Each structure stands twice: as C-alpha cells, then as structure tokens.
Protein backbone atom coordinates (compact mmCIF):
# COMPACT_ATOMS: atom_id res chain seq x y z
CA SER A 1 102.53 84.25 -207.17
CA PHE A 2 102.06 85.28 -210.80
CA MET A 3 105.61 86.06 -211.85
CA PHE A 4 108.13 83.68 -213.36
CA ARG A 5 111.17 84.90 -211.44
CA PRO A 6 114.22 83.43 -209.67
CA GLU A 7 114.09 85.40 -206.40
CA VAL A 8 113.14 82.43 -204.21
CA ALA A 9 116.06 80.33 -205.48
CA VAL A 10 118.40 83.30 -204.95
CA MET A 11 117.06 83.70 -201.40
CA VAL A 12 117.80 80.05 -200.58
CA PHE A 13 121.35 80.17 -201.95
CA GLY A 14 122.01 83.54 -200.30
CA PHE A 15 120.86 82.38 -196.90
CA GLY A 16 122.82 79.16 -197.38
CA SER A 17 125.95 81.24 -197.97
CA PHE A 18 125.39 83.13 -194.71
CA PHE A 19 124.71 79.88 -192.82
CA PHE A 20 128.01 78.32 -193.89
CA LEU A 21 130.01 81.51 -193.35
CA SER A 22 128.59 81.91 -189.85
CA ARG A 23 129.51 78.28 -189.15
CA TYR A 24 133.02 79.08 -190.30
CA LEU A 25 133.14 82.00 -187.86
CA SER A 26 132.01 79.87 -184.93
CA LEU A 27 133.89 76.62 -185.69
CA GLY A 28 136.91 77.83 -187.65
CA SER A 29 136.59 75.08 -190.28
CA LEU A 30 137.38 76.20 -193.83
CA ILE A 31 134.64 73.87 -195.08
CA GLY A 32 132.21 76.63 -194.07
CA ALA A 33 134.07 79.19 -196.18
CA ILE A 34 134.14 76.79 -199.14
CA PHE A 35 130.41 76.02 -199.05
CA GLY A 36 129.65 79.68 -198.33
CA GLY A 37 131.42 80.52 -201.59
CA VAL A 38 129.61 77.75 -203.45
CA CYS A 39 126.18 79.02 -202.32
CA ALA A 40 127.03 82.65 -203.10
CA SER A 41 128.17 81.60 -206.58
CA LEU A 42 124.99 79.60 -207.18
CA ALA A 43 122.96 82.67 -206.22
CA PHE A 44 124.91 84.78 -208.72
CA LEU A 45 124.55 82.15 -211.46
CA THR A 46 120.79 82.17 -210.83
CA HIS A 47 120.43 85.91 -211.48
CA LEU A 48 122.84 88.80 -212.03
CA ASN A 49 121.12 90.83 -209.28
CA ALA A 50 122.36 88.21 -206.82
CA LEU A 51 125.86 89.66 -207.17
CA ILE A 52 124.99 91.10 -203.78
CA PHE A 53 125.69 87.74 -202.10
CA PRO A 54 129.25 87.13 -203.35
CA VAL A 55 130.03 90.76 -202.41
CA ALA A 56 128.25 90.49 -199.05
CA GLY A 57 130.18 87.33 -198.15
CA PHE A 58 133.48 89.01 -199.02
CA LEU A 59 132.68 92.10 -196.91
CA PHE A 60 131.39 89.90 -194.08
CA LEU A 61 134.66 87.98 -193.78
CA LEU A 62 136.64 91.19 -194.25
CA PHE A 63 134.72 92.83 -191.38
CA PHE A 64 135.58 89.95 -189.04
CA ARG A 65 139.17 89.84 -190.35
CA LYS A 66 139.07 86.17 -191.25
CA TRP A 67 141.90 86.38 -193.75
CA GLU A 68 142.35 82.68 -194.46
CA GLY A 69 138.64 82.11 -194.93
CA LEU A 70 138.41 85.28 -197.03
CA ALA A 71 141.09 83.99 -199.39
CA VAL A 72 139.45 80.57 -199.76
CA TYR A 73 135.97 82.09 -200.16
CA SER A 74 137.19 84.58 -202.77
CA VAL A 75 138.92 81.91 -204.89
CA ILE A 76 135.93 79.54 -204.80
CA THR A 77 133.44 82.31 -205.55
CA ALA A 78 135.52 83.78 -208.39
CA LEU A 79 136.06 80.40 -210.05
CA LEU A 80 132.42 79.27 -209.89
CA SER A 81 130.96 82.68 -210.73
CA SER A 82 133.16 82.90 -213.82
CA ILE A 83 130.91 80.26 -215.41
CA TYR A 84 128.41 83.10 -215.92
CA PHE A 85 130.83 84.76 -218.33
CA TRP A 86 131.79 81.64 -220.27
CA ASN A 87 129.97 82.66 -223.45
CA LEU A 88 131.52 86.12 -223.33
CA ILE A 89 134.85 84.70 -224.50
CA ASP A 90 133.53 85.33 -228.00
CA ALA A 91 134.36 88.97 -228.84
CA GLU A 92 131.12 89.56 -230.76
CA ILE A 93 128.95 88.22 -227.94
CA PHE A 94 130.91 90.32 -225.44
CA GLN A 95 130.17 93.46 -227.46
CA VAL A 96 126.45 92.65 -227.44
CA TYR A 97 126.58 92.05 -223.68
CA GLN A 98 128.42 95.34 -223.15
CA HIS A 99 125.84 97.19 -225.25
CA GLN A 100 123.01 95.67 -223.20
CA LEU A 101 124.58 96.78 -219.93
CA GLN A 102 124.89 100.33 -221.27
CA ASN A 103 121.48 100.48 -222.98
CA TRP A 104 118.85 98.77 -220.85
CA PRO A 105 115.45 98.60 -222.58
CA THR A 106 113.69 99.78 -219.42
CA HIS A 107 112.88 102.96 -217.52
CA GLN A 108 115.76 102.28 -215.13
CA ASP A 109 119.29 103.64 -215.38
CA ALA A 110 121.71 101.37 -217.22
CA PHE A 111 124.16 99.34 -215.15
CA SER A 112 127.02 101.47 -216.53
CA SER A 113 125.58 104.53 -214.75
CA LYS A 114 126.63 102.96 -211.44
CA VAL A 115 130.31 103.31 -212.37
CA GLU A 116 130.40 106.54 -214.39
CA GLY A 117 131.73 109.97 -213.41
CA GLY A 118 134.90 108.96 -211.63
CA PHE A 119 135.21 108.48 -207.87
CA PHE A 120 132.89 111.32 -206.87
CA GLY A 121 130.35 110.41 -209.55
CA ILE A 122 130.23 106.81 -208.34
CA LEU A 123 130.02 107.92 -204.72
CA SER A 124 127.23 110.46 -205.26
CA HIS A 125 125.21 108.13 -207.49
CA ASN A 126 125.27 105.27 -205.00
CA VAL A 127 124.66 107.50 -201.98
CA LEU A 128 121.52 108.73 -203.74
CA ARG A 129 120.49 105.14 -204.41
CA LEU A 130 120.87 104.30 -200.72
CA LEU A 131 118.91 107.41 -199.71
CA ASN A 132 116.04 106.16 -201.87
CA GLU A 133 116.05 102.63 -200.41
CA HIS A 134 112.98 103.43 -198.31
CA LYS A 135 110.98 103.03 -201.53
CA ARG A 136 111.76 99.31 -201.57
CA TYR A 137 110.62 98.71 -198.01
CA PHE A 138 107.43 100.75 -198.31
CA TRP A 139 106.58 100.28 -201.99
CA ASP A 140 102.99 99.14 -201.37
CA GLN A 141 100.75 97.48 -198.78
CA ASP A 142 102.15 94.04 -199.61
CA VAL A 143 105.43 94.92 -197.87
CA TRP A 144 104.42 97.66 -195.43
CA GLY A 145 103.75 95.21 -192.60
CA ILE A 146 106.86 93.02 -192.74
CA SER A 147 109.12 96.00 -193.52
CA GLY A 148 107.78 98.05 -190.63
CA LEU A 149 108.10 95.13 -188.24
CA PHE A 150 111.65 94.36 -189.36
CA LEU A 151 112.88 97.96 -189.17
CA LEU A 152 111.26 98.45 -185.77
CA ALA A 153 113.02 95.32 -184.50
CA LEU A 154 116.36 96.25 -186.03
CA ILE A 155 116.39 99.86 -184.80
CA SER A 156 114.83 99.42 -181.36
CA LYS A 157 117.01 96.46 -180.35
CA PHE A 158 120.12 97.13 -182.43
CA LYS A 159 122.45 97.07 -179.42
CA TYR A 160 121.00 93.75 -178.23
CA LEU A 161 121.29 92.22 -181.71
CA MET A 162 124.91 93.29 -182.12
CA GLN A 163 125.82 91.98 -178.67
CA THR A 164 124.13 88.59 -178.96
CA HIS A 165 123.73 87.94 -182.69
CA LYS A 166 126.53 89.94 -184.25
CA PRO A 167 127.17 87.74 -187.36
CA LEU A 168 123.46 87.74 -188.32
CA THR A 169 123.04 91.48 -187.76
CA THR A 170 126.28 92.37 -189.55
CA TYR A 171 125.51 90.20 -192.57
CA THR A 172 121.96 91.60 -192.76
CA LEU A 173 123.22 95.19 -192.77
CA ILE A 174 125.80 94.36 -195.45
CA VAL A 175 123.17 92.70 -197.66
CA MET A 176 120.85 95.69 -197.21
CA ALA A 177 123.63 98.04 -198.34
CA CYS A 178 124.62 95.80 -201.26
CA LEU A 179 121.00 95.49 -202.33
CA GLY A 180 120.70 99.26 -202.41
CA VAL A 181 123.87 99.77 -204.45
CA LEU A 182 124.05 96.72 -206.73
CA SER A 183 120.46 95.77 -207.54
CA SER A 184 118.84 97.00 -210.75
CA GLY A 185 116.17 99.07 -208.99
CA HIS A 186 114.11 99.68 -205.86
CA SER A 187 111.51 97.03 -206.64
CA PRO A 188 110.14 95.29 -203.52
CA ARG A 189 110.44 91.90 -205.22
CA TYR A 190 114.11 91.90 -204.24
CA LEU A 191 113.12 92.02 -200.57
CA VAL A 192 112.72 88.27 -200.98
CA TYR A 193 116.53 88.10 -200.81
CA LEU A 194 116.34 89.59 -197.31
CA MET A 195 113.30 87.71 -196.08
CA PRO A 196 115.07 84.98 -194.01
CA PHE A 197 117.17 87.60 -192.24
CA MET A 198 114.18 89.86 -191.64
CA VAL A 199 112.16 87.02 -190.14
CA LEU A 200 115.02 85.82 -187.91
CA ILE A 201 115.66 89.29 -186.54
CA VAL A 202 111.97 89.89 -185.84
CA VAL A 203 111.62 86.53 -184.07
CA LEU A 204 114.77 87.06 -181.99
CA VAL A 205 113.64 90.52 -180.88
CA ILE A 206 110.11 89.36 -180.02
CA HIS A 207 111.57 86.49 -177.98
CA ASN A 208 113.81 88.95 -176.14
CA LEU A 209 110.86 91.26 -175.47
CA SER A 210 108.92 88.45 -173.80
CA ALA A 211 111.29 88.79 -170.84
CA ASN A 212 111.46 92.57 -171.09
CA LYS A 213 109.47 95.10 -169.09
CA ARG A 214 109.40 97.83 -171.76
CA THR A 215 105.62 98.11 -172.07
CA VAL A 216 105.60 100.84 -174.71
CA LEU A 217 107.90 98.87 -177.02
CA LYS A 218 105.81 95.74 -176.52
CA ALA A 219 102.68 97.70 -177.42
CA LEU A 220 104.40 98.97 -180.59
CA PHE A 221 105.29 95.44 -181.62
CA VAL A 222 101.73 94.26 -181.02
CA LEU A 223 100.49 97.12 -183.20
CA PHE A 224 103.03 96.39 -185.97
CA LEU A 225 102.31 92.66 -185.82
CA ALA A 226 98.60 93.31 -186.17
CA ALA A 227 99.26 95.61 -189.14
CA HIS A 228 101.47 92.97 -190.74
CA PHE A 229 98.81 90.27 -190.43
CA ILE A 230 96.16 92.61 -191.83
CA PHE A 231 98.31 93.50 -194.86
CA ALA A 232 99.39 89.88 -195.36
CA THR A 233 95.81 88.63 -195.15
CA THR A 234 94.65 91.28 -197.62
CA ALA A 235 97.38 90.25 -200.06
CA LEU A 236 96.55 86.56 -199.63
CA ILE A 237 92.85 87.16 -200.27
CA SER A 238 93.76 89.13 -203.40
CA ILE A 239 95.92 86.25 -204.65
CA LEU A 240 93.25 83.64 -203.93
CA LYS A 241 90.63 85.70 -205.76
CA ARG A 242 92.84 85.72 -208.85
CA ASN A 243 93.71 82.06 -208.57
CA ARG A 244 92.64 80.13 -211.65
CA ASP A 245 93.88 77.22 -213.70
CA TYR A 246 96.02 79.52 -215.81
CA VAL A 247 97.88 76.76 -217.61
CA ASN A 248 94.60 75.34 -218.94
CA ILE A 249 93.09 78.76 -219.66
CA HIS A 250 96.16 79.92 -221.58
CA SER A 251 96.30 76.65 -223.47
CA GLN A 252 92.72 77.17 -224.65
CA LEU A 253 93.35 80.81 -225.59
CA LEU A 254 96.51 80.06 -227.54
CA SER A 255 95.00 77.03 -229.28
CA SER A 256 93.22 79.45 -231.61
CA ILE A 257 96.49 81.20 -232.49
CA PRO A 258 98.98 79.54 -234.88
CA ARG A 259 102.22 78.42 -233.24
CA ASP A 260 105.29 80.66 -233.32
CA GLN A 261 103.16 83.81 -233.75
CA LYS A 262 104.17 86.98 -231.88
CA VAL A 263 101.64 87.54 -229.11
CA LEU A 264 101.28 90.62 -226.93
CA GLY A 265 99.57 89.60 -223.71
CA PRO A 266 99.57 89.44 -219.89
CA TRP A 267 102.63 88.41 -217.87
CA GLU A 268 100.85 85.21 -216.82
CA MET A 269 100.83 83.87 -220.38
CA ILE A 270 104.31 82.53 -219.70
CA TYR A 271 102.53 79.63 -217.93
CA ASN A 272 102.99 77.76 -220.28
CA GLY A 273 102.47 79.65 -223.51
CA ILE A 274 106.16 80.38 -223.87
CA LYS A 275 106.61 76.82 -225.10
CA SER A 276 104.59 77.41 -228.24
CA HIS A 277 104.44 81.14 -228.96
CA GLU A 278 106.69 84.19 -228.97
CA LEU A 279 105.27 86.14 -226.03
CA HIS A 280 105.62 89.85 -225.30
CA SER A 281 104.19 91.89 -222.43
CA PHE A 282 102.66 95.34 -222.07
CA LYS A 283 105.67 96.40 -219.98
CA THR A 284 107.31 97.59 -223.20
CA TYR A 285 104.62 100.23 -223.66
CA GLU A 286 104.67 101.19 -219.99
CA TYR A 287 108.42 101.80 -220.32
CA ILE A 288 107.88 103.87 -223.47
CA GLU A 289 105.44 106.10 -221.60
CA ASP A 290 107.88 106.43 -218.72
CA GLN A 291 110.96 107.16 -220.84
CA GLU A 292 109.28 109.55 -223.26
CA LYS A 293 107.18 111.24 -220.56
CA ARG A 294 103.96 110.91 -222.52
CA LYS A 295 100.73 108.99 -222.49
CA LEU A 296 100.08 106.65 -225.38
CA SER A 297 96.64 106.62 -226.90
CA GLN A 298 95.10 103.32 -227.94
CA LEU A 299 95.78 104.10 -231.60
CA GLN A 300 99.43 104.92 -230.88
CA LEU A 301 99.89 101.67 -228.96
CA LEU A 302 98.28 99.63 -231.72
CA GLU A 303 100.46 101.34 -234.30
CA LEU A 304 103.61 100.55 -232.31
CA ALA A 305 102.49 96.96 -231.79
CA ALA A 306 101.81 96.46 -235.50
CA ASP A 307 104.50 98.46 -237.26
CA LYS A 308 107.45 98.56 -234.85
CA PHE A 309 107.10 95.37 -232.84
CA GLN A 310 105.25 93.26 -235.43
CA MET A 311 102.74 91.75 -233.00
CA ASP A 312 100.45 89.24 -234.74
CA TYR A 313 97.92 88.98 -231.91
CA ILE A 314 97.02 90.96 -228.79
CA ILE A 315 95.38 89.28 -225.80
CA LEU A 316 93.60 91.54 -223.31
CA ASP A 317 92.65 90.36 -219.82
CA GLU A 318 90.52 91.88 -217.06
CA LYS A 319 93.45 94.00 -215.90
CA ARG A 320 93.55 95.82 -219.24
CA LYS A 321 89.80 96.29 -219.04
CA THR A 322 89.82 97.98 -215.63
CA SER A 323 93.31 99.52 -215.29
CA LYS A 324 93.21 103.14 -214.15
CA GLU A 325 96.94 103.72 -214.66
CA PHE A 326 97.12 102.47 -218.26
CA GLU A 327 93.74 103.06 -219.87
CA TRP A 328 94.63 101.95 -223.40
CA PHE A 329 91.82 99.39 -223.52
CA LYS A 330 89.40 100.66 -220.90
CA ASN A 331 86.23 98.55 -220.86
CA TRP A 332 87.71 96.69 -223.85
CA ARG A 333 86.53 99.43 -226.17
CA ILE A 334 88.45 99.04 -229.44
CA GLU A 335 88.57 102.17 -231.59
CA ASP A 336 88.44 102.05 -235.37
CA ASN A 337 92.00 101.47 -236.53
CA PRO A 338 93.92 100.10 -239.53
CA HIS A 339 95.94 97.62 -237.48
CA TYR A 340 93.83 95.16 -235.43
CA ARG A 341 90.31 93.83 -235.19
CA ILE A 342 88.51 91.67 -232.63
CA GLU A 343 89.05 87.99 -233.34
CA HIS A 344 87.55 86.29 -230.25
CA GLN A 345 85.81 87.51 -227.13
CA PHE A 346 85.54 85.43 -223.96
CA GLU A 347 84.28 86.18 -220.48
CA ASN A 348 87.68 87.27 -219.16
CA TYR A 349 89.73 87.75 -222.33
CA LEU A 350 89.60 89.58 -225.65
CA ILE A 351 91.81 88.55 -228.59
CA LEU A 352 92.77 91.01 -231.32
CA LYS A 353 94.23 89.91 -234.64
CA ARG A 354 96.40 91.92 -236.98
CA LYS A 355 94.44 92.99 -240.07
CA ARG A 356 97.13 92.02 -242.55
CA TYR A 357 95.81 88.44 -242.26
CA TYR A 358 92.64 89.33 -244.18
C-alpha cells in the first residue's frame, strides 16, 4: 500500500499468460499460444523479475509436449521481450548494464552469481536458493496466513489437484520454482505474482472438501482460515492507521525545500515528490550496515549523507523516531555534528538541512 512497485501489473500479465496457454491446451487454437506469449512478454517488460513468466510458459508447454504451440509461443515471446534490450545496442550502455548486473548496490547477491562456477556451481547455488524459499512464504505475519492456507491446500490435496486441475497445478509449481531461482531475492512482495494461483487452489480445495468426510482435514482448514483472517485483519488495521493524505503532506513538506535538491527521506515521498526533487531513501544506509556487518552511528550516517552522497536535506518521519532496528534518529534526538542542523519540526516530521547553506 505504500510502495511504488510494479508487482500487481506483473501479476495480471502473468495470470493472463497462464489463462491463454491453458485455453490453448484445452482448445488447441494457436491464438492461445500467441496471446500467452504476448502477456508473458508484457510481464517481463514491466519488470526484469517477471522473467519467471516467459520461462514458466516455455516449461509449461514443454511439459505437456505441445511442440507447435511451444514454437509459436517462443518466437512471440522472444520478439516482444527483445524490446527490453533495445537500448543495449549501444556498446557503452551495454557495458554499464553488464556492470550493474555484476555489482548490485544492495545486500543481495548480484545476478551474475546465479550463473557462476560452471554447471555444479550453478546447480548448487540454485538448489540452495530453492531450499531457502520458505523464507518468502513465512517472512512475516502479513503472509503467514495465506501462505499456510495455500501450502496446506497444495500438499494435502495434491493428488486431487493433479487429477482434476492439472494445468493450473503444473503451472503453479513451475512458477514457484522459477520464482525461487530467477527472482532477485526471497522478499514476500514477489508472492503477489503467485496470488491468483494461490487463491484458485485454495478455493478449489475448499470446494472439494465440502463434499468430503475427512473431518480432521476440514478442522485444519477452518483453523488456517481463521488464522489467515486474523493476520489479514491485523495488516489491514495497520494500513488504515497509517493512511493519510500523503500527496498533500509531502507537497507541504517539500514546498520549503528548493526544487531539484537532493533529499534523503521516507519511501513514501515518491508520492509525488519525485516530480520536483531528487529523492533518496534510507535503504542505502541499511544496505551499508548489512554489507559491512557494522552498525552506523548517527554521526557516521550524517557524514555519509553529507560527504559521500551529497544530501542537501534529510526528512525524518515517525518510523525513524521509533525504529528499534535502525536507531540512528531515536526520539528525533540530533547530536551535535558539523553536517546538518534542524530546519523545521512538525508533528510527524523533522527536516534537517545541510550546514553548508549558512
């Protein structure tokens, strides 16, 4: 609700690809393979992580040995997806792109690490990634409920699902594997890609259980459903409590800062401060702590912000005031320092200004 990300669009295109490919399986019309390729390509063009859908579609048709459809799908997907690489025709731009893939500015492994070390290196690396996929499904309470419900449905009624809904179950398993191997990390935000498939499988299994006499399994589903609604309600309440007119609030905050200044602030500032200011987030400093295995003091962070990253202003919100994980600005206490001073203080925000402007 507070992140400017493309996962929902990717989810729609990914599910659209499955829909058309499953229609191709049932009807035999190549139109399904064509539109399946179009949707998979649109997902990939939306975000590089959505490479999972072109690959999943290919493996899906390969599994069912639909050679003609596989050929058509592959050509359509390759042609449309190649638009992503149009700018890389320039040799200089390609070198920059290659450097970025090999040197990600995050705490995650670079993309190149997925394909290093020869056959056994690639195999071991990706097996380890798959063995750690449980982190995605049980990252925090926001996904515990739906993940538990989905996995219970998939495991307990796997035979039923493969017998009566084989295309859906097969495609879901392929996407789960591709997500584990090809995505940039184990973040639960990418579960959005799987959400339509998770919901369909849960609904199909619950419908099947309504005519089933397995009392223990029914009781388990009731328990997991209750847990899901509790977790979902808790998350919803949390979102509603944080709900404010952020566009207006950010507009007022940034009105006191000259345009085109470099501003270090909360993620939410992107709505719609990105139109007028160069925005940066505190994730950079979180990654520094993670990569260098050390805790930054407030003075060290301010020094980095001023000297290395050239931040003109820093905006602190309530999260920075109360965070227990990153206590750089606990209770908004600003230590004496040669870099920043308090410029404005509001009820929910504190603005620091770089001292060079004196």
